Amino acid sequence: MHSTLIVARMDPDASLDVAQIFGDFDATEMPHLMGTRRRQLFLYRGLYFHLQDFESDNGGERIEEAKTDPRFIRISDDLKPHIEAYDPKTWRSPADAMAQRFYTWEASE
């Protein structure tokens, strides 16, 4: 499984709205089209963390393909009032907000 972690800023009071927006989006076939297996949203002191697990390593590619879908465009627009770039000067796309993994560990079976 492949994971991505997006880091941004969010007003803590927006968490219910953001959860509802993603709940509506995830009720469609879009997660399946993007290869999403699990999505988790976290909030810590005004920082927003969006952890998304994919069925394969091509999750980033499938997100790029989905970016033109009207449902993807709609969720992006719906989230704009609630989520802001961690560094607005360098943000051009979600890829600019993705954390880089520098360590991983898994339990052996």
PDB file of N, CA and C in Angstrom:
ATOM      1  N   MET A   1       0.848  -1.171   0.000  1.00  0.00           N
ATOM      2  CA  MET A   1       0.000   0.000   0.000  1.00  0.00           C
ATOM      3  C   MET A   1       0.897   1.238   0.000  1.00  0.00           C
ATOM      4  N   HIS A   2       0.498   2.257  -0.712  1.00  0.00           N
ATOM      5  CA  HIS A   2       1.218   3.517  -0.817  1.00  0.00           C
ATOM      6  C   HIS A   2       0.425   4.600  -0.086  1.00  0.00           C
ATOM      7  N   SER A   3       1.108   5.494   0.602  1.00  0.00           N
ATOM      8  CA  SER A   3       0.436   6.561   1.345  1.00  0.00           C
ATOM      9  C   SER A   3       0.981   7.918   0.937  1.00  0.00           C
ATOM     10  N   THR A   4       0.113   8.928   1.020  1.00  0.00           N
ATOM     11  CA  THR A   4       0.542  10.316   0.879  1.00  0.00           C
ATOM     12  C   THR A   4       0.039  11.078   2.091  1.00  0.00           C
ATOM     13  N   LEU A   5       0.776  12.113   2.467  1.00  0.00           N
ATOM     14  CA  LEU A   5       0.389  12.964   3.581  1.00  0.00           C
ATOM     15  C   LEU A   5       0.461  14.403   3.121  1.00  0.00           C
ATOM     16  N   ILE A   6      -0.687  15.061   3.114  1.00  0.00           N
ATOM     17  CA  ILE A   6      -0.761  16.476   2.742  1.00  0.00           C
ATOM     18  C   ILE A   6      -0.827  17.287   4.028  1.00  0.00           C
ATOM     19  N   VAL A   7      -0.034  18.351   4.099  1.00  0.00           N
ATOM     20  CA  VAL A   7       0.010  19.231   5.253  1.00  0.00           C
ATOM     21  C   VAL A   7      -0.459  20.616   4.823  1.00  0.00           C
ATOM     22  N   ALA A   8      -1.377  21.173   5.591  1.00  0.00           N
ATOM     23  CA  ALA A   8      -1.898  22.513   5.293  1.00  0.00           C
ATOM     24  C   ALA A   8      -2.298  23.163   6.614  1.00  0.00           C
ATOM     25  N   ARG A   9      -2.980  24.281   6.506  1.00  0.00           N
ATOM     26  CA  ARG A   9      -3.475  24.982   7.692  1.00  0.00           C
ATOM     27  C   ARG A   9      -4.996  24.952   7.664  1.00  0.00           C
ATOM     28  N   MET A  10      -5.591  24.839   8.859  1.00  0.00           N
ATOM     29  CA  MET A  10      -7.046  24.793   8.938  1.00  0.00           C
ATOM     30  C   MET A  10      -7.489  25.364  10.277  1.00  0.00           C
ATOM     31  N   ASP A  11      -8.547  26.144  10.256  1.00  0.00           N
ATOM     32  CA  ASP A  11      -9.165  26.627  11.489  1.00  0.00           C
ATOM     33  C   ASP A  11      -9.805  25.422  12.172  1.00  0.00           C
ATOM     34  N   PRO A  12      -9.487  25.154  13.433  1.00  0.00           N
ATOM     35  CA  PRO A  12     -10.070  23.996  14.120  1.00  0.00           C
ATOM     36  C   PRO A  12     -11.599  23.983  14.107  1.00  0.00           C
ATOM     37  N   ASP A  13     -12.220  25.148  14.050  1.00  0.00           N
ATOM     38  CA  ASP A  13     -13.685  25.213  14.015  1.00  0.00           C
ATOM     39  C   ASP A  13     -14.266  24.672  12.715  1.00  0.00           C
ATOM     40  N   ALA A  14     -13.435  24.470  11.702  1.00  0.00           N
ATOM     41  CA  ALA A  14     -13.907  23.987  10.404  1.00  0.00           C
ATOM     42  C   ALA A  14     -13.889  22.466  10.300  1.00  0.00           C
ATOM     43  N   SER A  15     -13.455  21.770  11.327  1.00  0.00           N
ATOM     44  CA  SER A  15     -13.264  20.323  11.211  1.00  0.00           C
ATOM     45  C   SER A  15     -14.550  19.577  10.855  1.00  0.00           C
ATOM     46  N   LEU A  16     -15.676  19.957  11.422  1.00  0.00           N
ATOM     47  CA  LEU A  16     -16.925  19.273  11.082  1.00  0.00           C
ATOM     48  C   LEU A  16     -17.319  19.512   9.629  1.00  0.00           C
ATOM     49  N   ASP A  17     -17.143  20.739   9.154  1.00  0.00           N
ATOM     50  CA  ASP A  17     -17.456  21.051   7.757  1.00  0.00           C
ATOM     51  C   ASP A  17     -16.545  20.265   6.809  1.00  0.00           C
ATOM     52  N   VAL A  18     -15.261  20.236   7.112  1.00  0.00           N
ATOM     53  CA  VAL A  18     -14.308  19.520   6.262  1.00  0.00           C
ATOM     54  C   VAL A  18     -14.619  18.026   6.260  1.00  0.00           C
ATOM     55  N   ALA A  19     -14.936  17.477   7.424  1.00  0.00           N
ATOM     56  CA  ALA A  19     -15.299  16.056   7.495  1.00  0.00           C
ATOM     57  C   ALA A  19     -16.539  15.769   6.650  1.00  0.00           C
ATOM     58  N   GLN A  20     -17.523  16.654   6.673  1.00  0.00           N
ATOM     59  CA  GLN A  20     -18.741  16.464   5.883  1.00  0.00           C
ATOM     60  C   GLN A  20     -18.439  16.538   4.380  1.00  0.00           C
ATOM     61  N   ILE A  21     -17.592  17.474   3.993  1.00  0.00           N
ATOM     62  CA  ILE A  21     -17.219  17.613   2.578  1.00  0.00           C
ATOM     63  C   ILE A  21     -16.556  16.318   2.090  1.00  0.00           C
ATOM     64  N   PHE A  22     -15.620  15.794   2.881  1.00  0.00           N
ATOM     65  CA  PHE A  22     -14.970  14.546   2.483  1.00  0.00           C
ATOM     66  C   PHE A  22     -15.921  13.364   2.571  1.00  0.00           C
ATOM     67  N   GLY A  23     -16.816  13.369   3.551  1.00  0.00           N
ATOM     68  CA  GLY A  23     -17.796  12.290   3.652  1.00  0.00           C
ATOM     69  C   GLY A  23     -18.660  12.205   2.406  1.00  0.00           C
ATOM     70  N   ASP A  24     -19.098  13.365   1.915  1.00  0.00           N
ATOM     71  CA  ASP A  24     -19.909  13.398   0.694  1.00  0.00           C
ATOM     72  C   ASP A  24     -19.095  12.923  -0.514  1.00  0.00           C
ATOM     73  N   PHE A  25     -17.848  13.375  -0.601  1.00  0.00           N
ATOM     74  CA  PHE A  25     -16.966  12.994  -1.711  1.00  0.00           C
ATOM     75  C   PHE A  25     -16.679  11.489  -1.679  1.00  0.00           C
ATOM     76  N   ASP A  26     -16.384  10.971  -0.488  1.00  0.00           N
ATOM     77  CA  ASP A  26     -16.029   9.563  -0.366  1.00  0.00           C
ATOM     78  C   ASP A  26     -17.225   8.639  -0.559  1.00  0.00           C
ATOM     79  N   ALA A  27     -18.437   9.193  -0.522  1.00  0.00           N
ATOM     80  CA  ALA A  27     -19.636   8.390  -0.787  1.00  0.00           C
ATOM     81  C   ALA A  27     -19.853   8.180  -2.286  1.00  0.00           C
ATOM     82  N   THR A  28     -19.071   8.865  -3.116  1.00  0.00           N
ATOM     83  CA  THR A  28     -19.152   8.690  -4.566  1.00  0.00           C
ATOM     84  C   THR A  28     -18.154   7.609  -4.991  1.00  0.00           C
ATOM     85  N   GLU A  29     -18.050   7.382  -6.287  1.00  0.00           N
ATOM     86  CA  GLU A  29     -17.081   6.403  -6.786  1.00  0.00           C
ATOM     87  C   GLU A  29     -15.683   7.004  -6.953  1.00  0.00           C
ATOM     88  N   MET A  30     -15.520   8.288  -6.626  1.00  0.00           N
ATOM     89  CA  MET A  30     -14.220   8.936  -6.818  1.00  0.00           C
ATOM     90  C   MET A  30     -13.080   8.253  -6.060  1.00  0.00           C
ATOM     91  N   PRO A  31     -13.233   7.867  -4.786  1.00  0.00           N
ATOM     92  CA  PRO A  31     -12.107   7.182  -4.131  1.00  0.00           C
ATOM     93  C   PRO A  31     -11.682   5.921  -4.885  1.00  0.00           C
ATOM     94  N   HIS A  32     -12.655   5.183  -5.387  1.00  0.00           N
ATOM     95  CA  HIS A  32     -12.333   3.976  -6.156  1.00  0.00           C
ATOM     96  C   HIS A  32     -11.565   4.332  -7.434  1.00  0.00           C
ATOM     97  N   LEU A  33     -12.008   5.367  -8.129  1.00  0.00           N
ATOM     98  CA  LEU A  33     -11.334   5.773  -9.369  1.00  0.00           C
ATOM     99  C   LEU A  33      -9.900   6.216  -9.104  1.00  0.00           C
ATOM    100  N   MET A  34      -9.666   6.815  -7.933  1.00  0.00           N
ATOM    101  CA  MET A  34      -8.327   7.291  -7.594  1.00  0.00           C
ATOM    102  C   MET A  34      -7.479   6.205  -6.933  1.00  0.00           C
ATOM    103  N   GLY A  35      -8.083   5.058  -6.635  1.00  0.00           N
ATOM    104  CA  GLY A  35      -7.350   3.981  -5.989  1.00  0.00           C
ATOM    105  C   GLY A  35      -7.207   4.169  -4.482  1.00  0.00           C
ATOM    106  N   THR A  36      -8.018   5.041  -3.901  1.00  0.00           N
ATOM    107  CA  THR A  36      -7.947   5.316  -2.470  1.00  0.00           C
ATOM    108  C   THR A  36      -8.513   4.147  -1.679  1.00  0.00           C
ATOM    109  N   ARG A  37      -7.746   3.666  -0.722  1.00  0.00           N
ATOM    110  CA  ARG A  37      -8.196   2.581   0.155  1.00  0.00           C
ATOM    111  C   ARG A  37      -8.642   3.118   1.509  1.00  0.00           C
ATOM    112  N   ARG A  38      -8.005   4.211   1.948  1.00  0.00           N
ATOM    113  CA  ARG A  38      -8.360   4.792   3.243  1.00  0.00           C
ATOM    114  C   ARG A  38      -7.936   6.255   3.253  1.00  0.00           C
ATOM    115  N   ARG A  39      -8.756   7.071   3.925  1.00  0.00           N
ATOM    116  CA  ARG A  39      -8.449   8.487   4.096  1.00  0.00           C
ATOM    117  C   ARG A  39      -8.606   8.789   5.587  1.00  0.00           C
ATOM    118  N   GLN A  40      -7.632   9.506   6.142  1.00  0.00           N
ATOM    119  CA  GLN A  40      -7.718   9.957   7.519  1.00  0.00           C
ATOM    120  C   GLN A  40      -7.333  11.420   7.572  1.00  0.00           C
ATOM    121  N   LEU A  41      -8.103  12.202   8.322  1.00  0.00           N
ATOM    122  CA  LEU A  41      -7.830  13.622   8.482  1.00  0.00           C
ATOM    123  C   LEU A  41      -7.467  13.878   9.939  1.00  0.00           C
ATOM    124  N   PHE A  42      -6.420  14.667  10.139  1.00  0.00           N
ATOM    125  CA  PHE A  42      -5.951  14.997  11.475  1.00  0.00           C
ATOM    126  C   PHE A  42      -5.805  16.512  11.595  1.00  0.00           C
ATOM    127  N   LEU A  43      -5.936  16.988  12.813  1.00  0.00           N
ATOM    128  CA  LEU A  43      -5.775  18.405  13.101  1.00  0.00           C
ATOM    129  C   LEU A  43      -4.908  18.539  14.344  1.00  0.00           C
ATOM    130  N   TYR A  44      -3.902  19.406  14.269  1.00  0.00           N
ATOM    131  CA  TYR A  44      -3.049  19.665  15.415  1.00  0.00           C
ATOM    132  C   TYR A  44      -2.653  21.133  15.412  1.00  0.00           C
ATOM    133  N   ARG A  45      -3.181  21.873  16.387  1.00  0.00           N
ATOM    134  CA  ARG A  45      -2.825  23.282  16.569  1.00  0.00           C
ATOM    135  C   ARG A  45      -2.873  24.088  15.278  1.00  0.00           C
ATOM    136  N   GLY A  46      -3.964  23.953  14.569  1.00  0.00           N
ATOM    137  CA  GLY A  46      -4.149  24.715  13.340  1.00  0.00           C
ATOM    138  C   GLY A  46      -3.515  24.097  12.109  1.00  0.00           C
ATOM    139  N   LEU A  47      -2.856  22.957  12.277  1.00  0.00           N
ATOM    140  CA  LEU A  47      -2.287  22.253  11.127  1.00  0.00           C
ATOM    141  C   LEU A  47      -3.210  21.105  10.753  1.00  0.00           C
ATOM    142  N   TYR A  48      -3.409  20.948   9.481  1.00  0.00           N
ATOM    143  CA  TYR A  48      -4.282  19.931   8.904  1.00  0.00           C
ATOM    144  C   TYR A  48      -3.400  18.884   8.255  1.00  0.00           C
ATOM    145  N   PHE A  49      -3.678  17.620   8.533  1.00  0.00           N
ATOM    146  CA  PHE A  49      -2.941  16.502   7.948  1.00  0.00           C
ATOM    147  C   PHE A  49      -3.941  15.575   7.270  1.00  0.00           C
ATOM    148  N   HIS A  50      -3.711  15.303   6.017  1.00  0.00           N
ATOM    149  CA  HIS A  50      -4.599  14.466   5.210  1.00  0.00           C
ATOM    150  C   HIS A  50      -3.792  13.248   4.770  1.00  0.00           C
ATOM    151  N   LEU A  51      -4.027  12.136   5.443  1.00  0.00           N
ATOM    152  CA  LEU A  51      -3.337  10.889   5.132  1.00  0.00           C
ATOM    153  C   LEU A  51      -4.221  10.046   4.234  1.00  0.00           C
ATOM    154  N   GLN A  52      -3.683   9.716   3.072  1.00  0.00           N
ATOM    155  CA  GLN A  52      -4.459   8.948   2.098  1.00  0.00           C
ATOM    156  C   GLN A  52      -3.657   7.718   1.703  1.00  0.00           C
ATOM    157  N   ASP A  53      -4.284   6.550   1.845  1.00  0.00           N
ATOM    158  CA  ASP A  53      -3.647   5.287   1.487  1.00  0.00           C
ATOM    159  C   ASP A  53      -4.223   4.796   0.172  1.00  0.00           C
ATOM    160  N   PHE A  54      -3.329   4.321  -0.705  1.00  0.00           N
ATOM    161  CA  PHE A  54      -3.706   3.848  -2.029  1.00  0.00           C
ATOM    162  C   PHE A  54      -3.407   2.371  -2.163  1.00  0.00           C
ATOM    163  N   GLU A  55      -4.115   1.731  -3.073  1.00  0.00           N
ATOM    164  CA  GLU A  55      -3.908   0.304  -3.294  1.00  0.00           C
ATOM    165  C   GLU A  55      -2.588   0.002  -3.984  1.00  0.00           C
ATOM    166  N   SER A  56      -1.990   1.008  -4.636  1.00  0.00           N
ATOM    167  CA  SER A  56      -0.712   0.787  -5.309  1.00  0.00           C
ATOM    168  C   SER A  56       0.093   2.080  -5.307  1.00  0.00           C
ATOM    169  N   ASP A  57       1.320   2.001  -5.811  1.00  0.00           N
ATOM    170  CA  ASP A  57       2.219   3.151  -5.818  1.00  0.00           C
ATOM    171  C   ASP A  57       1.846   4.228  -6.828  1.00  0.00           C
ATOM    172  N   ASN A  58       0.842   3.982  -7.661  1.00  0.00           N
ATOM    173  CA  ASN A  58       0.488   4.978  -8.676  1.00  0.00           C
ATOM    174  C   ASN A  58      -0.645   5.897  -8.210  1.00  0.00           C
ATOM    175  N   GLY A  59      -0.850   6.021  -6.900  1.00  0.00           N
ATOM    176  CA  GLY A  59      -1.907   6.889  -6.382  1.00  0.00           C
ATOM    177  C   GLY A  59      -1.749   8.323  -6.816  1.00  0.00           C
ATOM    178  N   GLY A  60      -0.531   8.833  -6.790  1.00  0.00           N
ATOM    179  CA  GLY A  60      -0.295  10.205  -7.218  1.00  0.00           C
ATOM    180  C   GLY A  60      -0.676  10.433  -8.669  1.00  0.00           C
ATOM    181  N   GLU A  61      -0.359   9.452  -9.505  1.00  0.00           N
ATOM    182  CA  GLU A  61      -0.709   9.540 -10.925  1.00  0.00           C
ATOM    183  C   GLU A  61      -2.225   9.542 -11.108  1.00  0.00           C
ATOM    184  N   ARG A  62      -2.911   8.706 -10.347  1.00  0.00           N
ATOM    185  CA  ARG A  62      -4.369   8.633 -10.475  1.00  0.00           C
ATOM    186  C   ARG A  62      -5.035   9.900  -9.964  1.00  0.00           C
ATOM    187  N   ILE A  63      -4.451  10.536  -8.956  1.00  0.00           N
ATOM    188  CA  ILE A  63      -4.987  11.823  -8.500  1.00  0.00           C
ATOM    189  C   ILE A  63      -4.815  12.862  -9.599  1.00  0.00           C
ATOM    190  N   GLU A  64      -3.653  12.870 -10.237  1.00  0.00           N
ATOM    191  CA  GLU A  64      -3.420  13.814 -11.336  1.00  0.00           C
ATOM    192  C   GLU A  64      -4.472  13.623 -12.428  1.00  0.00           C
ATOM    193  N   GLU A  65      -4.804  12.377 -12.745  1.00  0.00           N
ATOM    194  CA  GLU A  65      -5.820  12.089 -13.756  1.00  0.00           C
ATOM    195  C   GLU A  65      -7.202  12.554 -13.287  1.00  0.00           C
ATOM    196  N   ALA A  66      -7.470  12.439 -11.999  1.00  0.00           N
ATOM    197  CA  ALA A  66      -8.794  12.784 -11.462  1.00  0.00           C
ATOM    198  C   ALA A  66      -8.997  14.285 -11.331  1.00  0.00           C
ATOM    199  N   LYS A  67      -7.935  15.068 -11.372  1.00  0.00           N
ATOM    200  CA  LYS A  67      -8.045  16.513 -11.122  1.00  0.00           C
ATOM    201  C   LYS A  67      -8.971  17.234 -12.091  1.00  0.00           C
ATOM    202  N   THR A  68      -9.249  16.659 -13.241  1.00  0.00           N
ATOM    203  CA  THR A  68     -10.140  17.311 -14.201  1.00  0.00           C
ATOM    204  C   THR A  68     -11.590  16.872 -14.037  1.00  0.00           C
ATOM    205  N   ASP A  69     -11.839  15.880 -13.185  1.00  0.00           N
ATOM    206  CA  ASP A  69     -13.202  15.408 -12.946  1.00  0.00           C
ATOM    207  C   ASP A  69     -13.983  16.489 -12.199  1.00  0.00           C
ATOM    208  N   PRO A  70     -15.220  16.780 -12.613  1.00  0.00           N
ATOM    209  CA  PRO A  70     -16.003  17.828 -11.943  1.00  0.00           C
ATOM    210  C   PRO A  70     -16.168  17.600 -10.439  1.00  0.00           C
ATOM    211  N   ARG A  71     -16.212  16.362  -9.993  1.00  0.00           N
ATOM    212  CA  ARG A  71     -16.344  16.085  -8.552  1.00  0.00           C
ATOM    213  C   ARG A  71     -15.067  16.457  -7.804  1.00  0.00           C
ATOM    214  N   PHE A  72     -13.921  16.238  -8.428  1.00  0.00           N
ATOM    215  CA  PHE A  72     -12.648  16.623  -7.814  1.00  0.00           C
ATOM    216  C   PHE A  72     -12.531  18.140  -7.761  1.00  0.00           C
ATOM    217  N   ILE A  73     -12.924  18.784  -8.846  1.00  0.00           N
ATOM    218  CA  ILE A  73     -12.899  20.253  -8.895  1.00  0.00           C
ATOM    219  C   ILE A  73     -13.835  20.818  -7.834  1.00  0.00           C
ATOM    220  N   ARG A  74     -15.010  20.211  -7.682  1.00  0.00           N
ATOM    221  CA  ARG A  74     -15.994  20.682  -6.690  1.00  0.00           C
ATOM    222  C   ARG A  74     -15.457  20.557  -5.271  1.00  0.00           C
ATOM    223  N   ILE A  75     -14.861  19.406  -4.923  1.00  0.00           N
ATOM    224  CA  ILE A  75     -14.359  19.258  -3.552  1.00  0.00           C
ATOM    225  C   ILE A  75     -13.215  20.234  -3.301  1.00  0.00           C
ATOM    226  N   SER A  76     -12.380  20.451  -4.296  1.00  0.00           N
ATOM    227  CA  SER A  76     -11.297  21.425  -4.142  1.00  0.00           C
ATOM    228  C   SER A  76     -11.856  22.811  -3.855  1.00  0.00           C
ATOM    229  N   ASP A  77     -12.885  23.192  -4.598  1.00  0.00           N
ATOM    230  CA  ASP A  77     -13.519  24.499  -4.384  1.00  0.00           C
ATOM    231  C   ASP A  77     -14.222  24.563  -3.025  1.00  0.00           C
ATOM    232  N   ASP A  78     -14.888  23.475  -2.633  1.00  0.00           N
ATOM    233  CA  ASP A  78     -15.595  23.438  -1.351  1.00  0.00           C
ATOM    234  C   ASP A  78     -14.641  23.534  -0.165  1.00  0.00           C
ATOM    235  N   LEU A  79     -13.418  23.033  -0.334  1.00  0.00           N
ATOM    236  CA  LEU A  79     -12.443  23.056   0.757  1.00  0.00           C
ATOM    237  C   LEU A  79     -11.703  24.385   0.886  1.00  0.00           C
ATOM    238  N   LYS A  80     -11.688  25.187  -0.176  1.00  0.00           N
ATOM    239  CA  LYS A  80     -10.919  26.442  -0.168  1.00  0.00           C
ATOM    240  C   LYS A  80     -11.241  27.366   1.004  1.00  0.00           C
ATOM    241  N   PRO A  81     -12.510  27.515   1.407  1.00  0.00           N
ATOM    242  CA  PRO A  81     -12.763  28.406   2.549  1.00  0.00           C
ATOM    243  C   PRO A  81     -12.229  27.860   3.877  1.00  0.00           C
ATOM    244  N   HIS A  82     -11.895  26.573   3.932  1.00  0.00           N
ATOM    245  CA  HIS A  82     -11.516  25.935   5.186  1.00  0.00           C
ATOM    246  C   HIS A  82     -10.039  25.570   5.298  1.00  0.00           C
ATOM    247  N   ILE A  83      -9.426  25.260   4.164  1.00  0.00           N
ATOM    248  CA  ILE A  83      -8.044  24.774   4.142  1.00  0.00           C
ATOM    249  C   ILE A  83      -7.188  25.779   3.382  1.00  0.00           C
ATOM    250  N   GLU A  84      -6.066  26.165   3.965  1.00  0.00           N
ATOM    251  CA  GLU A  84      -5.153  27.044   3.237  1.00  0.00           C
ATOM    252  C   GLU A  84      -3.776  26.408   3.181  1.00  0.00           C
ATOM    253  N   ALA A  85      -3.042  26.761   2.173  1.00  0.00           N
ATOM    254  CA  ALA A  85      -1.717  26.189   1.971  1.00  0.00           C
ATOM    255  C   ALA A  85      -0.831  26.454   3.179  1.00  0.00           C
ATOM    256  N   TYR A  86       0.007  25.508   3.501  1.00  0.00           N
ATOM    257  CA  TYR A  86       0.967  25.697   4.577  1.00  0.00           C
ATOM    258  C   TYR A  86       1.893  26.848   4.239  1.00  0.00           C
ATOM    259  N   ASP A  87       2.353  26.896   2.993  1.00  0.00           N
ATOM    260  CA  ASP A  87       3.207  27.981   2.512  1.00  0.00           C
ATOM    261  C   ASP A  87       2.618  28.494   1.200  1.00  0.00           C
ATOM    262  N   PRO A  88       1.753  29.510   1.275  1.00  0.00           N
ATOM    263  CA  PRO A  88       1.084  30.002   0.059  1.00  0.00           C
ATOM    264  C   PRO A  88       2.036  30.472  -1.036  1.00  0.00           C
ATOM    265  N   LYS A  89       3.254  30.863  -0.672  1.00  0.00           N
ATOM    266  CA  LYS A  89       4.209  31.350  -1.679  1.00  0.00           C
ATOM    267  C   LYS A  89       4.690  30.242  -2.610  1.00  0.00           C
ATOM    268  N   THR A  90       4.700  29.005  -2.111  1.00  0.00           N
ATOM    269  CA  THR A  90       5.239  27.913  -2.923  1.00  0.00           C
ATOM    270  C   THR A  90       4.175  26.938  -3.411  1.00  0.00           C
ATOM    271  N   TRP A  91       2.920  27.102  -2.975  1.00  0.00           N
ATOM    272  CA  TRP A  91       1.874  26.134  -3.320  1.00  0.00           C
ATOM    273  C   TRP A  91       1.315  26.391  -4.709  1.00  0.00           C
ATOM    274  N   ARG A  92       1.342  25.341  -5.534  1.00  0.00           N
ATOM    275  CA  ARG A  92       0.738  25.401  -6.859  1.00  0.00           C
ATOM    276  C   ARG A  92      -0.250  24.261  -7.057  1.00  0.00           C
ATOM    277  N   SER A  93      -0.037  23.154  -6.338  1.00  0.00           N
ATOM    278  CA  SER A  93      -0.919  21.988  -6.445  1.00  0.00           C
ATOM    279  C   SER A  93      -0.766  21.162  -5.169  1.00  0.00           C
ATOM    280  N   PRO A  94      -1.637  20.168  -4.952  1.00  0.00           N
ATOM    281  CA  PRO A  94      -1.490  19.327  -3.763  1.00  0.00           C
ATOM    282  C   PRO A  94      -0.100  18.691  -3.631  1.00  0.00           C
ATOM    283  N   ALA A  95       0.566  18.460  -4.741  1.00  0.00           N
ATOM    284  CA  ALA A  95       1.911  17.877  -4.678  1.00  0.00           C
ATOM    285  C   ALA A  95       2.872  18.775  -3.900  1.00  0.00           C
ATOM    286  N   ASP A  96       2.633  20.081  -3.903  1.00  0.00           N
ATOM    287  CA  ASP A  96       3.494  21.013  -3.188  1.00  0.00           C
ATOM    288  C   ASP A  96       3.264  20.974  -1.682  1.00  0.00           C
ATOM    289  N   ALA A  97       2.226  20.285  -1.245  1.00  0.00           N
ATOM    290  CA  ALA A  97       1.914  20.195   0.178  1.00  0.00           C
ATOM    291  C   ALA A  97       2.139  18.794   0.729  1.00  0.00           C
ATOM    292  N   MET A  98       2.690  17.899  -0.087  1.00  0.00           N
ATOM    293  CA  MET A  98       2.884  16.521   0.357  1.00  0.00           C
ATOM    294  C   MET A  98       4.179  16.385   1.138  1.00  0.00           C
ATOM    295  N   ALA A  99       4.047  15.802   2.311  1.00  0.00           N
ATOM    296  CA  ALA A  99       5.217  15.542   3.145  1.00  0.00           C
ATOM    297  C   ALA A  99       6.057  14.446   2.501  1.00  0.00           C
ATOM    298  N   GLN A 100       7.339  14.488   2.740  1.00  0.00           N
ATOM    299  CA  GLN A 100       8.235  13.460   2.217  1.00  0.00           C
ATOM    300  C   GLN A 100       8.524  12.445   3.315  1.00  0.00           C
ATOM    301  N   ARG A 101       8.264  11.195   3.018  1.00  0.00           N
ATOM    302  CA  ARG A 101       8.570  10.129   3.977  1.00  0.00           C
ATOM    303  C   ARG A 101      10.081   9.961   4.055  1.00  0.00           C
ATOM    304  N   PHE A 102      10.594   9.899   5.272  1.00  0.00           N
ATOM    305  CA  PHE A 102      12.023   9.684   5.424  1.00  0.00           C
ATOM    306  C   PHE A 102      12.346   8.472   6.298  1.00  0.00           C
ATOM    307  N   TYR A 103      11.299   7.781   6.789  1.00  0.00           N
ATOM    308  CA  TYR A 103      11.491   6.561   7.565  1.00  0.00           C
ATOM    309  C   TYR A 103      10.204   5.767   7.547  1.00  0.00           C
ATOM    310  N   THR A 104      10.331   4.463   7.478  1.00  0.00           N
ATOM    311  CA  THR A 104       9.161   3.599   7.579  1.00  0.00           C
ATOM    312  C   THR A 104       9.553   2.313   8.279  1.00  0.00           C
ATOM    313  N   TRP A 105       8.603   1.728   8.962  1.00  0.00           N
ATOM    314  CA  TRP A 105       8.815   0.460   9.653  1.00  0.00           C
ATOM    315  C   TRP A 105       7.519  -0.320   9.576  1.00  0.00           C
ATOM    316  N   GLU A 106       7.617  -1.613   9.398  1.00  0.00           N
ATOM    317  CA  GLU A 106       6.442  -2.494   9.403  1.00  0.00           C
ATOM    318  C   GLU A 106       6.760  -3.716  10.239  1.00  0.00           C
ATOM    319  N   ALA A 107       5.767  -4.186  10.935  1.00  0.00           N
ATOM    320  CA  ALA A 107       5.911  -5.410  11.724  1.00  0.00           C
ATOM    321  C   ALA A 107       6.063  -6.599  10.783  1.00  0.00           C
ATOM    322  N   SER A 108       6.909  -7.525  11.137  1.00  0.00           N
ATOM    323  CA  SER A 108       7.028  -8.723  10.319  1.00  0.00           C
ATOM    324  C   SER A 108       5.912  -9.682  10.706  1.00  0.00           C
ATOM    325  N   GLU A 109       5.510 -10.473   9.749  1.00  0.00           N
ATOM    326  CA  GLU A 109       4.388 -11.393   9.991  1.00  0.00           C
ATOM    327  C   GLU A 109       4.819 -12.667  10.639  1.00  0.00           C
TER     328      GLU A 109
END
